[in-house]
Protein backbone atom coordinates (compact mmCIF):
# COMPACT_ATOMS: atom_id res chain seq x y z
CA UNK A 1 73.83 -15.26 -92.85
CA UNK A 2 71.53 -16.69 -90.20
CA UNK A 3 69.98 -13.28 -89.62
CA UNK A 4 69.30 -12.87 -93.37
CA UNK A 5 67.60 -16.26 -93.59
CA UNK A 6 65.52 -15.49 -90.52
CA UNK A 7 64.39 -12.19 -92.06
CA UNK A 8 63.34 -13.96 -95.24
CA UNK A 9 61.40 -16.51 -93.22
CA UNK A 10 59.57 -13.73 -91.41
CA UNK A 11 58.52 -12.19 -94.76
CA UNK A 12 57.42 -15.54 -96.29
CA UNK A 13 55.20 -16.51 -93.34
CA UNK A 14 52.84 -13.49 -93.69
CA UNK A 15 52.69 -14.05 -97.46
CA UNK A 16 51.69 -17.70 -97.00
CA UNK A 17 49.17 -16.71 -94.36
CA UNK A 18 47.72 -14.04 -96.69
CA UNK A 19 47.53 -16.54 -99.58
CA UNK A 20 45.69 -19.04 -97.39
CA UNK A 21 43.21 -16.37 -96.33
CA UNK A 22 42.57 -15.40 -99.97
CA UNK A 23 42.00 -19.02 -101.02
CA UNK A 24 39.82 -19.73 -97.99
CA UNK A 25 37.73 -16.64 -98.66
CA UNK A 26 37.41 -17.58 -102.33
CA UNK A 27 36.35 -21.10 -101.41
CA UNK A 28 33.75 -19.77 -99.01
CA UNK A 29 32.42 -17.35 -101.64
CA UNK A 30 32.22 -20.15 -104.22
CA UNK A 31 30.29 -22.37 -101.82
CA UNK A 32 27.93 -19.50 -101.05
CA UNK A 33 27.27 -18.95 -104.75
CA UNK A 34 26.68 -22.66 -105.34
CA UNK A 35 24.22 -22.80 -102.44
CA UNK A 36 22.32 -19.69 -103.59
CA UNK A 37 19.68 -21.64 -105.58
CA UNK A 38 18.83 -23.52 -102.39
CA UNK A 39 19.03 -20.52 -100.09
CA UNK A 40 16.80 -18.49 -102.43
CA UNK A 41 14.58 -21.24 -103.78
CA UNK A 42 12.56 -20.28 -106.84
CA UNK A 43 9.05 -21.45 -105.96
CA UNK A 44 7.22 -19.94 -108.95
CA UNK A 45 5.30 -17.40 -106.84
CA UNK A 46 5.76 -13.60 -106.92
CA UNK A 47 7.26 -12.01 -103.82
CA UNK A 48 8.04 -8.53 -102.54
CA UNK A 49 7.81 -5.56 -104.90
CA UNK A 50 11.17 -4.22 -103.74
CA UNK A 51 12.80 -7.43 -104.95
CA UNK A 52 11.31 -6.97 -108.40
CA UNK A 53 12.26 -3.29 -108.38
CA UNK A 54 15.92 -4.00 -107.65
CA UNK A 55 15.94 -7.10 -109.85
CA UNK A 56 14.88 -5.12 -112.90
CA UNK A 57 18.27 -3.42 -112.86
CA UNK A 58 19.79 -6.79 -113.78
CA UNK A 59 19.44 -6.34 -117.60
CA UNK A 60 21.19 -2.99 -117.24
CA UNK A 61 24.03 -4.16 -114.97
CA UNK A 62 24.68 -7.45 -116.75
CA UNK A 63 26.20 -5.78 -119.80
CA UNK A 64 29.11 -4.44 -117.73
CA UNK A 65 30.71 -7.82 -116.87
CA UNK A 66 30.11 -9.04 -120.43
CA UNK A 67 32.17 -6.20 -121.85
CA UNK A 68 34.89 -6.53 -119.20
CA UNK A 69 35.25 -10.30 -119.62
CA UNK A 70 35.61 -9.99 -123.38
CA UNK A 71 38.24 -7.30 -122.83
CA UNK A 72 40.45 -9.39 -120.51
CA UNK A 73 41.77 -11.91 -123.11
CA UNK A 74 42.35 -9.06 -125.55
CA UNK A 75 44.47 -7.22 -122.99
CA UNK A 76 46.42 -10.39 -122.18
CA UNK A 77 47.23 -10.97 -125.86
CA UNK A 78 48.09 -7.31 -126.48
CA UNK A 79 50.27 -7.41 -123.36
CA UNK A 80 52.83 -9.53 -125.21
CA UNK A 81 53.59 -6.41 -127.24
CA UNK A 82 52.90 -3.75 -124.63
CA UNK A 83 53.43 -5.10 -121.08
CA UNK A 84 51.45 -2.25 -119.52
CA UNK A 85 48.28 -3.65 -121.06
CA UNK A 86 48.84 -6.99 -119.33
CA UNK A 87 48.98 -5.18 -116.00
CA UNK A 88 45.66 -3.52 -116.84
CA UNK A 89 44.14 -6.94 -117.50
CA UNK A 90 44.43 -7.83 -113.82
CA UNK A 91 42.49 -4.74 -112.76
CA UNK A 92 39.81 -5.34 -115.43
CA UNK A 93 39.45 -8.97 -114.29
CA UNK A 94 38.95 -7.89 -110.67
CA UNK A 95 36.38 -5.31 -111.77
CA UNK A 96 34.61 -7.99 -113.83
CA UNK A 97 34.37 -10.24 -110.77
CA UNK A 98 32.78 -7.47 -108.72
CA UNK A 99 30.26 -6.69 -111.47
CA UNK A 100 29.47 -10.42 -111.87
CA UNK A 101 28.59 -10.64 -108.19
CA UNK A 102 26.25 -7.66 -108.48
CA UNK A 103 24.63 -9.01 -111.67
CA UNK A 104 24.07 -12.47 -110.16
CA UNK A 105 22.52 -10.98 -107.02
CA UNK A 106 20.14 -8.80 -109.03
CA UNK A 107 19.30 -11.74 -111.29
CA UNK A 108 18.24 -13.85 -108.32
CA UNK A 109 16.15 -10.96 -106.97
CA UNK A 110 14.43 -10.58 -110.34
CA UNK A 111 13.60 -14.29 -110.70
CA UNK A 112 12.56 -14.73 -107.08
CA UNK A 113 10.58 -11.49 -106.89
CA UNK A 114 8.68 -12.06 -110.14
CA UNK A 115 8.04 -15.73 -109.41
CA UNK A 116 9.69 -16.97 -112.60
CA UNK A 117 10.96 -20.51 -112.11
CA UNK A 118 11.10 -21.72 -115.70
CA UNK A 119 13.79 -24.05 -116.96
CA UNK A 120 15.71 -21.44 -118.92
CA UNK A 121 15.61 -18.95 -116.04
CA UNK A 122 17.08 -21.59 -113.75
CA UNK A 123 19.76 -22.48 -116.29
CA UNK A 124 20.56 -18.82 -116.81
CA UNK A 125 21.02 -18.33 -113.07
CA UNK A 126 23.25 -21.38 -112.83
CA UNK A 127 25.22 -20.07 -115.79
CA UNK A 128 25.77 -16.80 -113.93
CA UNK A 129 26.92 -18.66 -110.83
CA UNK A 130 29.34 -20.88 -112.75
CA UNK A 131 30.68 -17.93 -114.73
CA UNK A 132 31.33 -15.93 -111.55
CA UNK A 133 33.20 -18.83 -109.96
CA UNK A 134 35.33 -19.31 -113.10
CA UNK A 135 36.16 -15.58 -113.09
CA UNK A 136 37.18 -15.87 -109.43
CA UNK A 137 39.45 -18.83 -110.17
CA UNK A 138 40.97 -16.92 -113.12
CA UNK A 139 41.77 -14.05 -110.79
CA UNK A 140 43.46 -16.44 -108.34
CA UNK A 141 45.38 -18.30 -111.03
CA UNK A 142 46.60 -15.22 -112.86
CA UNK A 143 49.61 -14.49 -110.57
CA UNK A 144 50.95 -18.00 -111.31
CA UNK A 145 50.55 -17.62 -115.09
CA UNK A 146 54.25 -16.80 -115.50
CA UNK A 147 55.41 -20.05 -113.88
CA UNK A 148 56.69 -22.63 -116.36
CA UNK A 149 54.96 -25.71 -114.95
CA UNK A 150 51.49 -24.19 -114.65
CA UNK A 151 51.61 -21.50 -117.33
CA UNK A 152 48.89 -23.20 -119.37
CA UNK A 153 46.33 -23.14 -116.55
CA UNK A 154 45.41 -19.45 -116.78
CA UNK A 155 44.82 -19.42 -120.60
CA UNK A 156 42.74 -22.58 -120.24
CA UNK A 157 40.63 -20.94 -117.54
CA UNK A 158 40.15 -17.88 -119.74
CA UNK A 159 38.86 -20.12 -122.53
CA UNK A 160 36.45 -21.79 -120.09
CA UNK A 161 35.35 -18.33 -118.93
CA UNK A 162 34.47 -17.28 -122.47
CA UNK A 163 32.54 -20.51 -123.08
CA UNK A 164 30.56 -19.99 -119.87
CA UNK A 165 29.95 -16.37 -120.86
CA UNK A 166 28.58 -17.31 -124.29
CA UNK A 167 26.32 -20.00 -122.85
CA UNK A 168 24.94 -17.74 -120.13
CA UNK A 169 24.45 -14.80 -122.49
CA UNK A 170 22.62 -17.01 -124.98
CA UNK A 171 20.19 -18.13 -122.27
CA UNK A 172 19.68 -14.51 -121.26
CA UNK A 173 18.92 -13.60 -124.86
CA UNK A 174 16.30 -16.36 -125.03
CA UNK A 175 14.64 -14.91 -121.94
CA UNK A 176 14.50 -11.43 -123.44
CA UNK A 177 13.58 -12.18 -127.04
CA UNK A 178 12.23 -15.73 -127.01
CA UNK A 179 13.81 -19.00 -128.03
CA UNK A 180 12.93 -18.41 -131.69
CA UNK A 181 14.53 -14.95 -131.87
CA UNK A 182 17.27 -16.04 -134.28
CA UNK A 183 15.14 -18.47 -136.28
CA UNK A 184 11.83 -16.59 -136.59
CA UNK A 185 12.81 -14.87 -139.84
CA UNK A 186 15.30 -17.46 -141.04
CA UNK A 187 14.98 -18.19 -144.78
CA UNK A 188 12.77 -21.20 -145.45
CA UNK A 189 15.58 -23.06 -147.22
CA UNK A 190 17.87 -22.69 -144.23
CA UNK A 191 15.11 -23.85 -141.88
CA UNK A 192 14.61 -26.98 -143.95
CA UNK A 193 18.36 -27.61 -144.00
CA UNK A 194 18.69 -27.24 -140.23
CA UNK A 195 15.65 -29.45 -139.75
CA UNK A 196 17.56 -32.23 -141.57
CA UNK A 197 14.81 -32.72 -144.12
CA UNK A 198 11.99 -33.13 -141.60
CA UNK A 199 8.59 -32.68 -143.22
CA UNK A 200 6.26 -30.16 -141.59
CA UNK A 201 3.11 -31.37 -139.90
CA UNK A 202 -0.10 -31.06 -141.91
CA UNK A 203 -2.31 -30.21 -138.91
CA UNK A 204 -4.01 -26.83 -138.69
CA UNK A 205 -2.52 -26.29 -135.25
CA UNK A 206 1.08 -26.82 -136.37
CA UNK A 207 0.76 -24.82 -139.57
CA UNK A 208 -1.22 -21.86 -138.26
CA UNK A 209 -2.07 -21.74 -134.54
CA UNK A 210 1.38 -22.58 -133.15
CA UNK A 211 3.11 -19.92 -135.32
CA UNK A 212 0.69 -17.30 -133.96
CA UNK A 213 1.53 -18.24 -130.37
CA UNK A 214 5.24 -18.59 -131.08
CA UNK A 215 5.47 -15.15 -132.68
CA UNK A 216 3.41 -13.28 -130.07
CA UNK A 217 3.58 -15.17 -126.77
CA UNK A 218 6.78 -17.27 -126.59
CA UNK A 219 8.93 -14.53 -125.07
CA UNK A 220 6.81 -14.62 -121.88
CA UNK A 221 5.38 -18.15 -122.03
CA UNK A 222 8.02 -20.26 -123.75
CA UNK A 223 10.99 -22.33 -122.70
CA UNK A 224 12.80 -19.16 -121.66
CA UNK A 225 10.08 -17.84 -119.37
CA UNK A 226 6.87 -19.31 -118.04
CA UNK A 227 4.98 -16.43 -116.48
CA UNK A 228 2.05 -17.67 -114.45
CA UNK A 229 3.35 -21.20 -114.97
CA UNK A 230 2.06 -21.16 -118.58
CA UNK A 231 4.07 -22.42 -121.53
CA UNK A 232 2.82 -22.39 -125.10
CA UNK A 233 5.83 -23.86 -126.94
CA UNK A 234 4.12 -27.23 -127.40
CA UNK A 235 0.52 -28.40 -127.73
CA UNK A 236 0.62 -30.49 -124.53
CA UNK A 237 2.01 -27.61 -122.46
CA UNK A 238 -0.55 -25.20 -123.92
CA UNK A 239 -3.44 -27.48 -123.02
CA UNK A 240 -1.98 -28.13 -119.56
CA UNK A 241 -2.34 -24.45 -118.73
CA UNK A 242 -0.72 -22.53 -115.90
CA UNK A 243 -1.19 -21.67 -112.24
CA UNK A 244 -4.82 -20.66 -112.84
CA UNK A 245 -5.64 -23.92 -114.60
CA UNK A 246 -6.30 -24.66 -118.29
CA UNK A 247 -6.26 -21.64 -120.61
CA UNK A 248 -7.92 -23.48 -123.51
CA UNK A 249 -11.37 -25.06 -123.17
CA UNK A 250 -11.83 -27.19 -126.26
CA UNK A 251 -15.08 -26.28 -127.99
CA UNK A 252 -15.59 -22.98 -126.15
CA UNK A 253 -13.53 -19.91 -126.94
CA UNK A 254 -15.87 -17.83 -124.76
CA UNK A 255 -14.69 -19.65 -121.61
CA UNK A 256 -11.05 -20.05 -122.65
CA UNK A 257 -8.83 -17.76 -120.57
CA UNK A 258 -6.28 -17.34 -123.34
CA UNK A 259 -8.90 -16.17 -125.84
CA UNK A 260 -10.45 -13.86 -123.25
CA UNK A 261 -7.07 -12.24 -122.59
CA UNK A 262 -6.16 -11.64 -126.25
CA UNK A 263 -9.55 -9.99 -126.90
CA UNK A 264 -9.42 -7.57 -123.94
CA UNK A 265 -8.83 -3.84 -124.61
CA UNK A 266 -5.07 -3.22 -124.98
CA UNK A 267 -5.04 -0.95 -121.93
CA UNK A 268 -6.53 -3.64 -119.66
CA UNK A 269 -4.09 -4.90 -117.03
CA UNK A 270 -4.76 -8.53 -118.02
CA UNK A 271 -4.46 -7.96 -121.76
CA UNK A 272 -2.20 -10.33 -123.69
CA UNK A 273 0.36 -10.00 -125.18
CA UNK A 274 1.56 -7.98 -122.19
CA UNK A 275 4.36 -5.47 -121.58
CA UNK A 276 3.40 -3.08 -124.36
CA UNK A 277 3.54 -5.63 -127.17
CA UNK A 278 1.11 -5.07 -130.06
CA UNK A 279 -2.19 -6.98 -130.01
CA UNK A 280 -2.80 -9.95 -132.25
CA UNK A 281 -4.14 -9.06 -135.65
CA UNK A 282 -7.84 -9.53 -136.18
CA UNK A 283 -7.23 -12.41 -138.56
CA UNK A 284 -5.08 -14.20 -135.97
CA UNK A 285 -7.84 -13.85 -133.40
CA UNK A 286 -10.45 -15.16 -135.86
CA UNK A 287 -8.39 -18.26 -136.62
CA UNK A 288 -7.74 -18.84 -132.93
CA UNK A 289 -11.46 -18.64 -132.19
CA UNK A 290 -12.35 -21.03 -135.01
CA UNK A 291 -9.70 -23.54 -133.87
CA UNK A 292 -10.86 -23.52 -130.23
CA UNK A 293 -14.57 -23.66 -131.07
CA UNK A 294 -13.98 -26.64 -133.35
CA UNK A 295 -12.28 -28.72 -130.66
CA UNK A 296 -8.70 -27.32 -130.39
CA UNK A 297 -7.39 -30.46 -132.05
CA UNK A 298 -3.63 -30.99 -132.52
CA UNK A 299 -4.15 -33.25 -135.55
CA UNK A 300 -7.13 -31.88 -137.48
CA UNK A 301 -5.90 -30.73 -140.89
CA UNK A 302 -8.82 -28.48 -141.82
CA UNK A 303 -11.46 -26.40 -140.05
CA UNK A 304 -15.01 -25.93 -141.20
CA UNK A 305 -15.39 -22.61 -142.98
CA UNK A 306 -11.64 -22.00 -143.32
CA UNK A 307 -10.30 -22.46 -146.83
CA UNK A 308 -6.63 -21.82 -147.59
CA UNK A 309 -5.43 -21.77 -151.14
CA UNK A 310 -2.13 -23.21 -152.26
CA UNK A 311 0.71 -20.76 -152.71
CA UNK A 312 0.40 -18.65 -155.82
CA UNK A 313 3.41 -17.69 -157.95
CA UNK A 314 4.86 -14.31 -157.16
CA UNK A 315 3.33 -11.53 -159.22
CA UNK A 316 5.54 -9.43 -161.45
CA UNK A 317 5.67 -5.86 -160.10
CA UNK A 318 5.56 -3.27 -162.83
CA UNK A 319 7.16 0.14 -162.27
CA UNK A 320 4.80 3.10 -162.49
CA UNK A 321 5.39 6.05 -164.76
CA UNK A 322 7.18 9.29 -163.98
CA UNK A 323 4.96 11.63 -161.97
CA UNK A 324 7.58 14.41 -161.62
CA UNK A 325 5.33 16.90 -163.42
CA UNK A 326 2.73 16.47 -160.67
CA UNK A 327 5.16 17.07 -157.78
CA UNK A 328 4.02 20.69 -157.09
CA UNK A 329 0.47 19.46 -156.44
CA UNK A 330 1.70 16.51 -154.37
CA UNK A 331 3.89 18.76 -152.20
CA UNK A 332 1.03 21.20 -151.71
CA UNK A 333 -1.18 18.38 -150.42
CA UNK A 334 1.53 17.27 -147.99
CA UNK A 335 1.61 20.73 -146.42
CA UNK A 336 -2.16 21.04 -146.08
CA UNK A 337 -4.92 19.19 -144.27
CA UNK A 338 -6.91 16.24 -145.55
CA UNK A 339 -5.93 13.36 -147.83
CA UNK A 340 -2.29 13.25 -148.92
CA UNK A 341 -0.08 11.55 -151.46
CA UNK A 342 3.34 10.41 -150.30
CA UNK A 343 6.23 9.06 -152.31
CA UNK A 344 7.20 5.44 -151.75
CA UNK A 345 10.80 6.47 -152.36
CA UNK A 346 12.87 9.11 -154.13
CA UNK A 347 12.55 7.00 -157.28
CA UNK A 348 9.34 8.09 -159.08
CA UNK A 349 8.90 4.65 -160.63
CA UNK A 350 8.17 3.22 -157.15
CA UNK A 351 4.86 5.07 -157.05
CA UNK A 352 2.72 6.95 -154.53
CA UNK A 353 0.68 6.07 -151.43
CA UNK A 354 -2.72 7.67 -150.81
CA UNK A 355 -3.29 8.47 -147.11
CA UNK A 356 -6.65 9.59 -145.69
CA UNK A 357 -5.95 9.39 -141.96
CA UNK A 358 -6.33 13.14 -141.37
CA UNK A 359 -9.68 13.23 -143.19
CA UNK A 360 -10.99 9.69 -142.74
CA UNK A 361 -14.40 10.64 -141.36
CA UNK A 362 -15.27 13.03 -144.20
CA UNK A 363 -13.42 11.47 -147.14
CA UNK A 364 -16.08 10.23 -149.58
CA UNK A 365 -16.53 9.02 -153.15
CA UNK A 366 -16.45 12.54 -154.62
CA UNK A 367 -13.14 13.35 -152.94
CA UNK A 368 -11.65 10.06 -154.13
CA UNK A 369 -12.65 10.96 -157.71
CA UNK A 370 -10.43 14.05 -157.45
CA UNK A 371 -7.38 11.75 -157.41
CA UNK A 372 -8.06 10.32 -160.88
CA UNK A 373 -5.19 12.29 -162.40
CA UNK A 374 -2.82 10.47 -160.01
CA UNK A 375 -4.45 7.07 -160.54
CA UNK A 376 -1.71 5.46 -162.70
CA UNK A 377 0.94 6.25 -160.05
CA UNK A 378 -0.83 5.13 -156.84
CA UNK A 379 0.41 1.73 -155.62
CA UNK A 380 -1.26 1.71 -152.19
CA UNK A 381 -4.49 3.33 -150.96
CA UNK A 382 -5.14 3.70 -147.22
CA UNK A 383 -8.90 4.28 -147.31
CA UNK A 384 -9.98 2.50 -144.13
CA UNK A 385 -12.63 4.10 -141.87
CA UNK A 386 -13.66 6.60 -144.55
CA UNK A 387 -17.15 7.37 -145.90
CA UNK A 388 -16.60 5.49 -149.16
CA UNK A 389 -19.41 3.44 -150.70
CA UNK A 390 -19.61 0.98 -153.59
CA UNK A 391 -19.56 3.94 -155.97
CA UNK A 392 -15.84 4.32 -155.17
CA UNK A 393 -15.02 1.29 -157.34
CA UNK A 394 -15.59 3.36 -160.49
CA UNK A 395 -12.55 5.40 -159.45
CA UNK A 396 -10.52 2.60 -157.91
CA UNK A 397 -10.60 0.53 -161.10
CA UNK A 398 -8.51 3.28 -162.71
CA UNK A 399 -5.66 2.74 -160.17
CA UNK A 400 -3.97 0.39 -162.61
CA UNK A 401 -0.80 -0.10 -160.54
CA UNK A 402 -2.58 -0.55 -157.21
CA UNK A 403 -1.02 -3.31 -155.09
CA UNK A 404 -2.60 -2.80 -151.64
CA UNK A 405 -6.09 -1.49 -150.90
CA UNK A 406 -7.44 -0.79 -147.39
CA UNK A 407 -11.25 -0.47 -147.22
CA UNK A 408 -11.82 -1.75 -143.68
CA UNK A 409 -14.75 -0.30 -141.72
CA UNK A 410 -16.23 1.56 -144.68
CA UNK A 411 -19.76 1.44 -146.13
CA UNK A 412 -18.71 -1.03 -148.82
CA UNK A 413 -21.20 -3.85 -149.49
CA UNK A 414 -19.15 -5.51 -152.22
CA UNK A 415 -21.51 -4.80 -155.13
CA UNK A 416 -18.68 -3.17 -157.06
CA UNK A 417 -15.94 -5.69 -156.26
CA UNK A 418 -15.99 -7.22 -159.81
CA UNK A 419 -14.68 -3.86 -161.08
CA UNK A 420 -11.36 -4.62 -159.36
CA UNK A 421 -10.76 -7.57 -161.67
CA UNK A 422 -8.79 -5.38 -164.06
CA UNK A 423 -6.21 -4.51 -161.37
CA UNK A 424 -3.53 -7.06 -162.25
CA UNK A 425 -1.12 -5.83 -159.54
CA UNK A 426 -3.56 -5.94 -156.58
CA UNK A 427 -2.28 -8.50 -154.05
CA UNK A 428 -3.72 -7.17 -150.75
CA UNK A 429 -7.36 -6.28 -150.06
CA UNK A 430 -8.75 -5.55 -146.59
CA UNK A 431 -12.55 -5.52 -146.33
CA UNK A 432 -12.81 -6.24 -142.59
CA UNK A 433 -15.70 -4.58 -140.78
CA UNK A 434 -17.70 -3.92 -143.96
CA UNK A 435 -21.01 -5.36 -145.19
CA UNK A 436 -19.44 -7.49 -147.91
CA UNK A 437 -21.47 -10.66 -148.47
CA UNK A 438 -20.28 -14.10 -149.48
CA UNK A 439 -21.93 -13.70 -152.87
CA UNK A 440 -20.11 -10.46 -153.66
CA UNK A 441 -16.79 -11.75 -152.28
CA UNK A 442 -16.98 -14.78 -154.59
CA UNK A 443 -15.94 -12.54 -157.49
CA UNK A 444 -12.50 -12.20 -155.90
CA UNK A 445 -11.73 -15.87 -156.55
CA UNK A 446 -11.11 -15.15 -160.21
CA UNK A 447 -8.21 -12.80 -159.45
CA UNK A 448 -4.77 -14.26 -160.15
CA UNK A 449 -2.86 -11.60 -158.24
CA UNK A 450 -4.63 -11.45 -154.86
CA UNK A 451 -2.64 -13.13 -152.07
CA UNK A 452 -4.38 -11.74 -149.02
CA UNK A 453 -8.08 -10.95 -148.69
CA UNK A 454 -9.42 -10.06 -145.25
CA UNK A 455 -13.12 -10.49 -144.51
CA UNK A 456 -12.99 -10.45 -140.72
CA UNK A 457 -16.21 -9.28 -139.06
CA UNK A 458 -18.21 -9.27 -142.29
CA UNK A 459 -21.26 -11.29 -143.45
CA UNK A 460 -18.87 -13.08 -145.81
CA UNK A 461 -16.72 -14.40 -142.96
CA UNK A 462 -17.36 -18.14 -142.51
CA UNK A 463 -17.02 -19.65 -139.04
CA UNK A 464 -15.33 -16.46 -137.80
CA UNK A 465 -12.21 -17.29 -139.80
CA UNK A 466 -10.15 -15.27 -142.23
CA UNK A 467 -6.58 -15.30 -143.53
CA UNK A 468 -3.77 -14.06 -141.33
CA UNK A 469 -1.87 -10.94 -142.30
CA UNK A 470 1.38 -12.62 -141.36
CA UNK A 471 0.79 -15.67 -143.53
CA UNK A 472 2.19 -14.94 -147.01
CA UNK A 473 0.59 -15.81 -150.29
CA UNK A 474 -2.74 -16.95 -148.92
CA UNK A 475 -6.21 -16.10 -150.03
CA UNK A 476 -9.62 -16.69 -148.51
CA UNK A 477 -11.82 -18.63 -150.89
CA UNK A 478 -15.41 -17.70 -150.22
């Protein structure tokens, strides 16, 4: 009997010693993770290229622990039916811990190497640290989950783990897509509901300039990230500027860094928006210029030379006729060179689109006249950068179902614009880069269907301002 008890004691002592080592190691690892933000202090300045190179693997690696951590509770629940799955949960949890450690390390390298020290980046890093520690504690508590007195601890820790995972992942999503990623295209009614009835500001900045910045710049210069120390998610932060000083000089767009960057060639290394994002539309740039040149005020309701009409009721869209009999000619054009007609959809009543991209330089009034037989079925005409003149309006007025007309950078002077008055479906007209005058553009004000008229870089453009393509149901009143 005494020998048996002694043998048991000899086996228990190494187990206790091993348990103490595991807990001590886990405690040391947790303390190291908690001290990481101080050991690798984010100072807002870029560092070594190798750090950024390795750090950019973080978005790739981070999806592995997310999938594993979601899988663990599912395996634990399914293990009540099939015990083998519960055994697999332990291995998956250990693998998740290892991948969390790698993801956190790469995340710190990315933030430190790129010099990003914004609030959301810091919170995201702390979220990763807390999540990793919770996963570690789950792994330690799991062997005791079958004990009666502490059986609730492990499920509780798993719940905390999922909460930490959701919070950290949400912050990571804000960094990647911007803080307005989920709300940017939210229905207006839902926005008003979530805003608890708050009335929108009447200032030009809040209604027009801030939405431009929020849609194009917030992913790099918002609450989630603040590259170069610049944030644009509020007026005060925008005017404060970044590491290079103010980016807006009230009254002078020519000396404002932000305006200089958005008007650079897209292939310039300092062009904004960066990282391959599309440039701002010409109308956005025109409004930005007008706002800066007229004082960059946060409260001014109107700008000189910028007139915005109230919303117009939605126009009724009429279906076009059946053009099936003309399909052989349409298909022949699609296979050849030059201007083409393309179907909007397989439903003939949705109409046709006239494209001239392949023949833009040589497409003239005479060639446009050859499309008269298709006129009742054309709902959109892409005629920008062609050789069309004001004589083209004699043909265009026959496009009775036309809804969108592109005439940018053509030889149009606007003398024939009144001939478009009969087009009751026309809601979009782009005349940017033409010689349209204010007098000729005035005829457009009588149209009840036009929502968007673009006169950027024309003699008719007042104070370098024109409507934005992203602003619905607006029309420039010249």
